Amino acid sequence: MERFSGRQVATHFSFLRKTIVFGHSCMSADIYLASVSPRRLELLRQIGIEPEVIPVNVDETPKIGEPPTDYVLRLAHAKAEAGHRLFDHPPLPILAADTAVVLGDRILGKPRNRSQGLDMLRQLSGTSHEVLTAVALVTDRVETRLSRSLVTFRKISDREAGGYWDSGEPEDKAGGYAVQGQAAVFISELSGSYSGVMGLPLFETAELLQNVGICPLETGPKIA
């Protein structure tokens, strides 16, 4: 991997911002994705961004009394900063995100076992819950955005919940379900960002990328 000095990196990002400020065309560029989530990678590819994936590890334990919005913003920021620390001077922007399913004022994390997964589905059954996804982008500074969505589940029978868990889909998902998968049959209404519920809100992500001179629509995938 080619390395750049801190001055080169700062100059590069400064120029990219000037292309926005003075109305010039955006420049295409690559980014790092501080996540191994296949869903986030798929969503970035959907808008023509092919990131280099860099795994990071951060403590995702909520702080006592921490509001859910603060929690997702803190984790997205922490993941992006963890990716930044992998380099002396990162030559590319680093993108990270965090998603939380919130029922009332409680964060439903990733189920650790079948019992916990079924309990989450019972709690979500016949109710509405909020899905928060924060996105952070690190260049020579950190910028964040927050997406809020409201998801309503129909009533879920115990047999359906058991069958869904046995499919294997819920095991690594916040709240114990995947909007883009089989759980779609449970969702009677979704208000907000579908991609945000999936794990990476594309409107907010594109806004952050455009702020540093990366225009997804100008470098997007060709449609036959």
C-alpha atoms as a PDB file:
ATOM      1  CA  MET A   1       0.000   0.000   0.000  1.00  0.00           C
ATOM      2  CA  GLU A   2       1.366   3.400  -0.966  1.00  0.00           C
ATOM      3  CA  ARG A   3       1.980   5.688   1.992  1.00  0.00           C
ATOM      4  CA  PHE A   4       1.512   9.439   2.092  1.00  0.00           C
ATOM      5  CA  SER A   5       2.821  12.080   4.445  1.00  0.00           C
ATOM      6  CA  GLY A   6       0.431  13.884   6.768  1.00  0.00           C
ATOM      7  CA  ARG A   7       0.872  17.064   4.693  1.00  0.00           C
ATOM      8  CA  GLN A   8      -0.015  15.217   1.458  1.00  0.00           C
ATOM      9  CA  VAL A   9      -3.141  13.722   2.984  1.00  0.00           C
ATOM     10  CA  ALA A  10      -4.307  17.043   4.445  1.00  0.00           C
ATOM     11  CA  THR A  11      -3.663  18.811   1.129  1.00  0.00           C
ATOM     12  CA  HIS A  12      -5.584  16.125  -0.784  1.00  0.00           C
ATOM     13  CA  PHE A  13      -8.674  16.362   1.438  1.00  0.00           C
ATOM     14  CA  SER A  14      -8.493  20.159   1.454  1.00  0.00           C
ATOM     15  CA  PHE A  15      -8.603  20.155  -2.344  1.00  0.00           C
ATOM     16  CA  LEU A  16     -11.528  17.751  -2.401  1.00  0.00           C
ATOM     17  CA  ARG A  17     -13.532  20.015  -0.092  1.00  0.00           C
ATOM     18  CA  LYS A  18     -12.757  23.009  -2.301  1.00  0.00           C
ATOM     19  CA  THR A  19     -14.336  21.213  -5.272  1.00  0.00           C
ATOM     20  CA  ILE A  20     -17.594  21.233  -3.300  1.00  0.00           C
ATOM     21  CA  VAL A  21     -17.316  24.763  -1.948  1.00  0.00           C
ATOM     22  CA  PHE A  22     -16.531  26.376  -5.294  1.00  0.00           C
ATOM     23  CA  GLY A  23     -18.978  24.280  -7.295  1.00  0.00           C
ATOM     24  CA  HIS A  24     -16.546  22.217  -9.358  1.00  0.00           C
ATOM     25  CA  SER A  25     -17.178  18.611 -10.317  1.00  0.00           C
ATOM     26  CA  CYS A  26     -16.708  15.999  -7.636  1.00  0.00           C
ATOM     27  CA  MET A  27     -13.798  13.612  -7.850  1.00  0.00           C
ATOM     28  CA  SER A  28     -14.090   9.858  -7.631  1.00  0.00           C
ATOM     29  CA  ALA A  29     -12.074   8.124  -4.926  1.00  0.00           C
ATOM     30  CA  ASP A  30     -11.810   4.915  -2.978  1.00  0.00           C
ATOM     31  CA  ILE A  31     -12.484   4.580   0.726  1.00  0.00           C
ATOM     32  CA  TYR A  32     -11.809   2.222   3.590  1.00  0.00           C
ATOM     33  CA  LEU A  33     -14.786   0.518   5.240  1.00  0.00           C
ATOM     34  CA  ALA A  34     -14.162  -0.156   8.932  1.00  0.00           C
ATOM     35  CA  SER A  35     -16.601  -3.051   9.022  1.00  0.00           C
ATOM     36  CA  VAL A  36     -16.764  -6.676   7.918  1.00  0.00           C
ATOM     37  CA  SER A  37     -20.550  -6.485   7.463  1.00  0.00           C
ATOM     38  CA  PRO A  38     -21.485  -7.971   4.076  1.00  0.00           C
ATOM     39  CA  ARG A  39     -24.645  -5.846   4.131  1.00  0.00           C
ATOM     40  CA  ARG A  40     -22.732  -2.564   4.395  1.00  0.00           C
ATOM     41  CA  LEU A  41     -20.366  -3.677   1.657  1.00  0.00           C
ATOM     42  CA  GLU A  42     -23.325  -4.579  -0.570  1.00  0.00           C
ATOM     43  CA  LEU A  43     -24.966  -1.188   0.021  1.00  0.00           C
ATOM     44  CA  LEU A  44     -21.793   0.727  -0.837  1.00  0.00           C
ATOM     45  CA  ARG A  45     -21.382  -1.292  -4.017  1.00  0.00           C
ATOM     46  CA  GLN A  46     -24.981  -0.444  -4.859  1.00  0.00           C
ATOM     47  CA  ILE A  47     -23.995   3.230  -5.199  1.00  0.00           C
ATOM     48  CA  GLY A  48     -20.756   2.524  -7.048  1.00  0.00           C
ATOM     49  CA  ILE A  49     -18.318   2.599  -4.130  1.00  0.00           C
ATOM     50  CA  GLU A  50     -15.870  -0.315  -3.908  1.00  0.00           C
ATOM     51  CA  PRO A  51     -14.221   0.045  -0.480  1.00  0.00           C
ATOM     52  CA  GLU A  52     -11.229  -1.708   0.966  1.00  0.00           C
ATOM     53  CA  VAL A  53     -12.478  -3.542   4.061  1.00  0.00           C
ATOM     54  CA  ILE A  54     -10.485  -3.104   7.266  1.00  0.00           C
ATOM     55  CA  PRO A  55     -11.724  -5.138  10.269  1.00  0.00           C
ATOM     56  CA  VAL A  56     -11.832  -3.254  13.574  1.00  0.00           C
ATOM     57  CA  ASN A  57     -12.674  -4.326  17.090  1.00  0.00           C
ATOM     58  CA  VAL A  58     -14.317  -1.982  19.607  1.00  0.00           C
ATOM     59  CA  ASP A  59     -16.142  -2.538  22.877  1.00  0.00           C
ATOM     60  CA  GLU A  60     -19.862  -2.277  22.058  1.00  0.00           C
ATOM     61  CA  THR A  61     -21.073  -2.281  25.668  1.00  0.00           C
ATOM     62  CA  PRO A  62     -23.530   0.583  26.302  1.00  0.00           C
ATOM     63  CA  LYS A  63     -22.610   2.968  29.091  1.00  0.00           C
ATOM     64  CA  ILE A  64     -24.930   3.149  32.095  1.00  0.00           C
ATOM     65  CA  GLY A  65     -27.765   5.537  31.315  1.00  0.00           C
ATOM     66  CA  GLU A  66     -26.453   6.235  27.796  1.00  0.00           C
ATOM     67  CA  PRO A  67     -29.245   7.309  25.400  1.00  0.00           C
ATOM     68  CA  PRO A  68     -29.493   5.088  22.288  1.00  0.00           C
ATOM     69  CA  THR A  69     -28.697   7.997  19.937  1.00  0.00           C
ATOM     70  CA  ASP A  70     -25.518   8.775  21.870  1.00  0.00           C
ATOM     71  CA  TYR A  71     -24.639   5.087  21.856  1.00  0.00           C
ATOM     72  CA  VAL A  72     -24.763   4.593  18.076  1.00  0.00           C
ATOM     73  CA  LEU A  73     -22.978   7.886  17.390  1.00  0.00           C
ATOM     74  CA  ARG A  74     -20.240   7.003  19.882  1.00  0.00           C
ATOM     75  CA  LEU A  75     -19.725   3.537  18.388  1.00  0.00           C
ATOM     76  CA  ALA A  76     -19.672   4.731  14.775  1.00  0.00           C
ATOM     77  CA  HIS A  77     -17.084   7.344  15.769  1.00  0.00           C
ATOM     78  CA  ALA A  78     -15.071   4.767  17.737  1.00  0.00           C
ATOM     79  CA  LYS A  79     -15.049   2.293  14.827  1.00  0.00           C
ATOM     80  CA  ALA A  80     -13.897   4.968  12.386  1.00  0.00           C
ATOM     81  CA  GLU A  81     -11.155   6.091  14.771  1.00  0.00           C
ATOM     82  CA  ALA A  82     -10.083   2.464  15.303  1.00  0.00           C
ATOM     83  CA  GLY A  83      -9.680   2.141  11.545  1.00  0.00           C
ATOM     84  CA  HIS A  84      -7.711   5.386  11.455  1.00  0.00           C
ATOM     85  CA  ARG A  85      -5.285   4.068  14.077  1.00  0.00           C
ATOM     86  CA  LEU A  86      -4.341   1.177  11.771  1.00  0.00           C
ATOM     87  CA  PHE A  87      -2.369   3.642   9.609  1.00  0.00           C
ATOM     88  CA  ASP A  88       0.313   6.229  10.234  1.00  0.00           C
ATOM     89  CA  HIS A  89      -1.426   8.569   7.793  1.00  0.00           C
ATOM     90  CA  PRO A  90      -4.475   6.974   6.103  1.00  0.00           C
ATOM     91  CA  PRO A  91      -4.410   7.872   2.376  1.00  0.00           C
ATOM     92  CA  LEU A  92      -8.169   7.348   2.028  1.00  0.00           C
ATOM     93  CA  PRO A  93     -11.302   8.358   3.978  1.00  0.00           C
ATOM     94  CA  ILE A  94     -12.457   5.787   6.543  1.00  0.00           C
ATOM     95  CA  LEU A  95     -16.175   5.021   6.838  1.00  0.00           C
ATOM     96  CA  ALA A  96     -17.832   3.265   9.768  1.00  0.00           C
ATOM     97  CA  ALA A  97     -21.377   2.727  11.014  1.00  0.00           C
ATOM     98  CA  ASP A  98     -23.335   1.316  13.917  1.00  0.00           C
ATOM     99  CA  THR A  99     -26.964   0.188  14.101  1.00  0.00           C
ATOM    100  CA  ALA A 100     -29.216  -0.279  17.114  1.00  0.00           C
ATOM    101  CA  VAL A 101     -32.756  -1.609  17.386  1.00  0.00           C
ATOM    102  CA  VAL A 102     -34.523   0.323  20.132  1.00  0.00           C
ATOM    103  CA  LEU A 103     -37.739  -0.789  21.821  1.00  0.00           C
ATOM    104  CA  GLY A 104     -38.977   1.885  24.189  1.00  0.00           C
ATOM    105  CA  ASP A 105     -35.725   3.084  25.699  1.00  0.00           C
ATOM    106  CA  ARG A 106     -33.976  -0.299  25.533  1.00  0.00           C
ATOM    107  CA  ILE A 107     -31.351  -1.323  22.981  1.00  0.00           C
ATOM    108  CA  LEU A 108     -31.855  -4.838  21.635  1.00  0.00           C
ATOM    109  CA  GLY A 109     -28.419  -6.106  20.688  1.00  0.00           C
ATOM    110  CA  LYS A 110     -27.419  -9.222  18.776  1.00  0.00           C
ATOM    111  CA  PRO A 111     -28.938 -12.396  20.261  1.00  0.00           C
ATOM    112  CA  ARG A 112     -26.370 -14.691  21.790  1.00  0.00           C
ATOM    113  CA  ASN A 113     -28.486 -17.854  21.618  1.00  0.00           C
ATOM    114  CA  ARG A 114     -31.848 -19.269  20.515  1.00  0.00           C
ATOM    115  CA  SER A 115     -33.618 -18.398  23.742  1.00  0.00           C
ATOM    116  CA  GLN A 116     -32.538 -14.764  23.535  1.00  0.00           C
ATOM    117  CA  GLY A 117     -33.384 -14.582  19.839  1.00  0.00           C
ATOM    118  CA  LEU A 118     -36.907 -15.892  20.376  1.00  0.00           C
ATOM    119  CA  ASP A 119     -37.400 -13.513  23.291  1.00  0.00           C
ATOM    120  CA  MET A 120     -36.452 -10.552  21.079  1.00  0.00           C
ATOM    121  CA  LEU A 121     -38.944 -11.615  18.412  1.00  0.00           C
ATOM    122  CA  ARG A 122     -41.681 -11.923  21.042  1.00  0.00           C
ATOM    123  CA  GLN A 123     -40.919  -8.405  22.260  1.00  0.00           C
ATOM    124  CA  LEU A 124     -41.021  -6.989  18.721  1.00  0.00           C
ATOM    125  CA  SER A 125     -44.169  -8.913  17.756  1.00  0.00           C
ATOM    126  CA  GLY A 126     -47.180  -6.648  17.208  1.00  0.00           C
ATOM    127  CA  THR A 127     -45.291  -3.459  18.135  1.00  0.00           C
ATOM    128  CA  SER A 128     -43.324  -0.604  16.581  1.00  0.00           C
ATOM    129  CA  HIS A 129     -39.657  -0.009  17.304  1.00  0.00           C
ATOM    130  CA  GLU A 130     -36.990   2.454  16.244  1.00  0.00           C
ATOM    131  CA  VAL A 131     -33.865   1.614  14.261  1.00  0.00           C
ATOM    132  CA  LEU A 132     -30.964   4.034  14.643  1.00  0.00           C
ATOM    133  CA  THR A 133     -27.926   3.934  12.389  1.00  0.00           C
ATOM    134  CA  ALA A 134     -25.032   6.337  12.831  1.00  0.00           C
ATOM    135  CA  VAL A 135     -22.400   6.845  10.134  1.00  0.00           C
ATOM    136  CA  ALA A 136     -18.946   8.336  10.683  1.00  0.00           C
ATOM    137  CA  LEU A 137     -16.351   9.400   8.121  1.00  0.00           C
ATOM    138  CA  VAL A 138     -12.743  10.185   9.071  1.00  0.00           C
ATOM    139  CA  THR A 139     -10.460  12.287   6.871  1.00  0.00           C
ATOM    140  CA  ASP A 140      -8.441  15.002   8.608  1.00  0.00           C
ATOM    141  CA  ARG A 141     -11.510  15.343  10.849  1.00  0.00           C
ATOM    142  CA  VAL A 142     -14.537  13.243  11.824  1.00  0.00           C
ATOM    143  CA  GLU A 143     -18.054  13.888  10.572  1.00  0.00           C
ATOM    144  CA  THR A 144     -21.137  11.939  11.621  1.00  0.00           C
ATOM    145  CA  ARG A 145     -24.749  11.544  10.528  1.00  0.00           C
ATOM    146  CA  LEU A 146     -27.710   9.805  12.185  1.00  0.00           C
ATOM    147  CA  SER A 147     -30.591   7.960  10.524  1.00  0.00           C
ATOM    148  CA  ARG A 148     -33.854   7.213  12.366  1.00  0.00           C
ATOM    149  CA  SER A 149     -36.477   4.765  11.132  1.00  0.00           C
ATOM    150  CA  LEU A 150     -39.675   3.361  12.606  1.00  0.00           C
ATOM    151  CA  VAL A 151     -40.478  -0.291  11.936  1.00  0.00           C
ATOM    152  CA  THR A 152     -43.779  -2.014  12.785  1.00  0.00           C
ATOM    153  CA  PHE A 153     -44.070  -5.791  13.112  1.00  0.00           C
ATOM    154  CA  ARG A 154     -47.288  -7.740  12.765  1.00  0.00           C
ATOM    155  CA  LYS A 155     -48.019 -10.430  15.331  1.00  0.00           C
ATOM    156  CA  ILE A 156     -45.511 -13.274  15.100  1.00  0.00           C
ATOM    157  CA  SER A 157     -46.523 -16.764  16.198  1.00  0.00           C
ATOM    158  CA  ASP A 158     -44.198 -18.910  18.299  1.00  0.00           C
ATOM    159  CA  ARG A 159     -43.926 -21.346  15.417  1.00  0.00           C
ATOM    160  CA  GLU A 160     -42.910 -18.584  13.009  1.00  0.00           C
ATOM    161  CA  ALA A 161     -40.370 -17.219  15.488  1.00  0.00           C
ATOM    162  CA  GLY A 162     -38.852 -20.672  15.947  1.00  0.00           C
ATOM    163  CA  GLY A 163     -38.691 -21.306  12.217  1.00  0.00           C
ATOM    164  CA  TYR A 164     -37.098 -17.930  11.626  1.00  0.00           C
ATOM    165  CA  TRP A 165     -34.428 -18.508  14.256  1.00  0.00           C
ATOM    166  CA  ASP A 166     -33.696 -21.960  12.848  1.00  0.00           C
ATOM    167  CA  SER A 167     -33.036 -20.391   9.434  1.00  0.00           C
ATOM    168  CA  GLY A 168     -29.816 -18.969  10.904  1.00  0.00           C
ATOM    169  CA  GLU A 169     -30.542 -15.471   9.637  1.00  0.00           C
ATOM    170  CA  PRO A 170     -31.062 -13.643  12.975  1.00  0.00           C
ATOM    171  CA  GLU A 171     -27.892 -14.778  14.740  1.00  0.00           C
ATOM    172  CA  ASP A 172     -25.602 -11.827  13.935  1.00  0.00           C
ATOM    173  CA  LYS A 173     -28.252  -9.126  13.471  1.00  0.00           C
ATOM    174  CA  ALA A 174     -29.085  -6.202  15.765  1.00  0.00           C
ATOM    175  CA  GLY A 175     -32.518  -6.851  17.227  1.00  0.00           C
ATOM    176  CA  GLY A 176     -32.430 -10.427  15.965  1.00  0.00           C
ATOM    177  CA  TYR A 177     -33.780  -9.837  12.448  1.00  0.00           C
ATOM    178  CA  ALA A 178     -32.775  -8.784   8.925  1.00  0.00           C
ATOM    179  CA  VAL A 179     -35.086  -6.420   7.033  1.00  0.00           C
ATOM    180  CA  GLN A 180     -33.670  -7.593   3.696  1.00  0.00           C
ATOM    181  CA  GLY A 181     -34.216 -11.267   4.493  1.00  0.00           C
ATOM    182  CA  GLN A 182     -37.002 -13.541   5.618  1.00  0.00           C
ATOM    183  CA  ALA A 183     -38.051 -11.121   8.378  1.00  0.00           C
ATOM    184  CA  ALA A 184     -39.573  -8.919   5.661  1.00  0.00           C
ATOM    185  CA  VAL A 185     -42.756 -11.004   6.042  1.00  0.00           C
ATOM    186  CA  PHE A 186     -43.119  -9.688   9.617  1.00  0.00           C
ATOM    187  CA  ILE A 187     -42.869  -5.994   8.695  1.00  0.00           C
ATOM    188  CA  SER A 188     -46.220  -4.314   8.139  1.00  0.00           C
ATOM    189  CA  GLU A 189     -44.822  -0.785   7.943  1.00  0.00           C
ATOM    190  CA  LEU A 190     -41.471   0.977   7.665  1.00  0.00           C
ATOM    191  CA  SER A 191     -41.065   4.736   7.897  1.00  0.00           C
ATOM    192  CA  GLY A 192     -37.623   6.164   7.282  1.00  0.00           C
ATOM    193  CA  SER A 193     -34.583   4.641   5.578  1.00  0.00           C
ATOM    194  CA  TYR A 194     -34.706   1.044   4.349  1.00  0.00           C
ATOM    195  CA  SER A 195     -30.934   1.064   3.846  1.00  0.00           C
ATOM    196  CA  GLY A 196     -30.570   2.540   7.338  1.00  0.00           C
ATOM    197  CA  VAL A 197     -32.493  -0.367   8.834  1.00  0.00           C
ATOM    198  CA  MET A 198     -30.308  -2.689   6.760  1.00  0.00           C
ATOM    199  CA  GLY A 199     -27.198  -1.151   8.330  1.00  0.00           C
ATOM    200  CA  LEU A 200     -25.979   1.803   6.241  1.00  0.00           C
ATOM    201  CA  PRO A 201     -28.287   4.740   5.363  1.00  0.00           C
ATOM    202  CA  LEU A 202     -27.298   5.652   1.832  1.00  0.00           C
ATOM    203  CA  PHE A 203     -28.664   9.214   1.881  1.00  0.00           C
ATOM    204  CA  GLU A 204     -26.567  10.165   4.900  1.00  0.00           C
ATOM    205  CA  THR A 205     -23.572   8.159   3.648  1.00  0.00           C
ATOM    206  CA  ALA A 206     -23.625   9.852   0.250  1.00  0.00           C
ATOM    207  CA  GLU A 207     -23.868  13.238   1.962  1.00  0.00           C
ATOM    208  CA  LEU A 208     -20.728  12.541   3.984  1.00  0.00           C
ATOM    209  CA  LEU A 209     -18.859  11.278   0.919  1.00  0.00           C
ATOM    210  CA  GLN A 210     -19.877  14.286  -1.167  1.00  0.00           C
ATOM    211  CA  ASN A 211     -18.516  16.572   1.550  1.00  0.00           C
ATOM    212  CA  VAL A 212     -15.022  15.210   0.806  1.00  0.00           C
ATOM    213  CA  GLY A 213     -15.444  15.208  -2.955  1.00  0.00           C
ATOM    214  CA  ILE A 214     -16.691  11.672  -3.605  1.00  0.00           C
ATOM    215  CA  CYS A 215     -19.870  11.635  -5.708  1.00  0.00           C
ATOM    216  CA  PRO A 216     -21.463   8.163  -5.776  1.00  0.00           C
ATOM    217  CA  LEU A 217     -23.864   9.004  -8.601  1.00  0.00           C
ATOM    218  CA  GLU A 218     -21.035  10.142 -10.846  1.00  0.00           C
ATOM    219  CA  THR A 219     -19.127   6.900 -10.353  1.00  0.00           C
ATOM    220  CA  GLY A 220     -22.082   4.561  -9.869  1.00  0.00           C
ATOM    221  CA  PRO A 221     -22.533   1.077 -11.329  1.00  0.00           C
ATOM    222  CA  LYS A 222     -23.601   0.836 -14.963  1.00  0.00           C
ATOM    223  CA  ILE A 223     -27.086  -0.566 -15.432  1.00  0.00           C
ATOM    224  CA  ALA A 224     -27.587  -2.680 -18.548  1.00  0.00           C
END
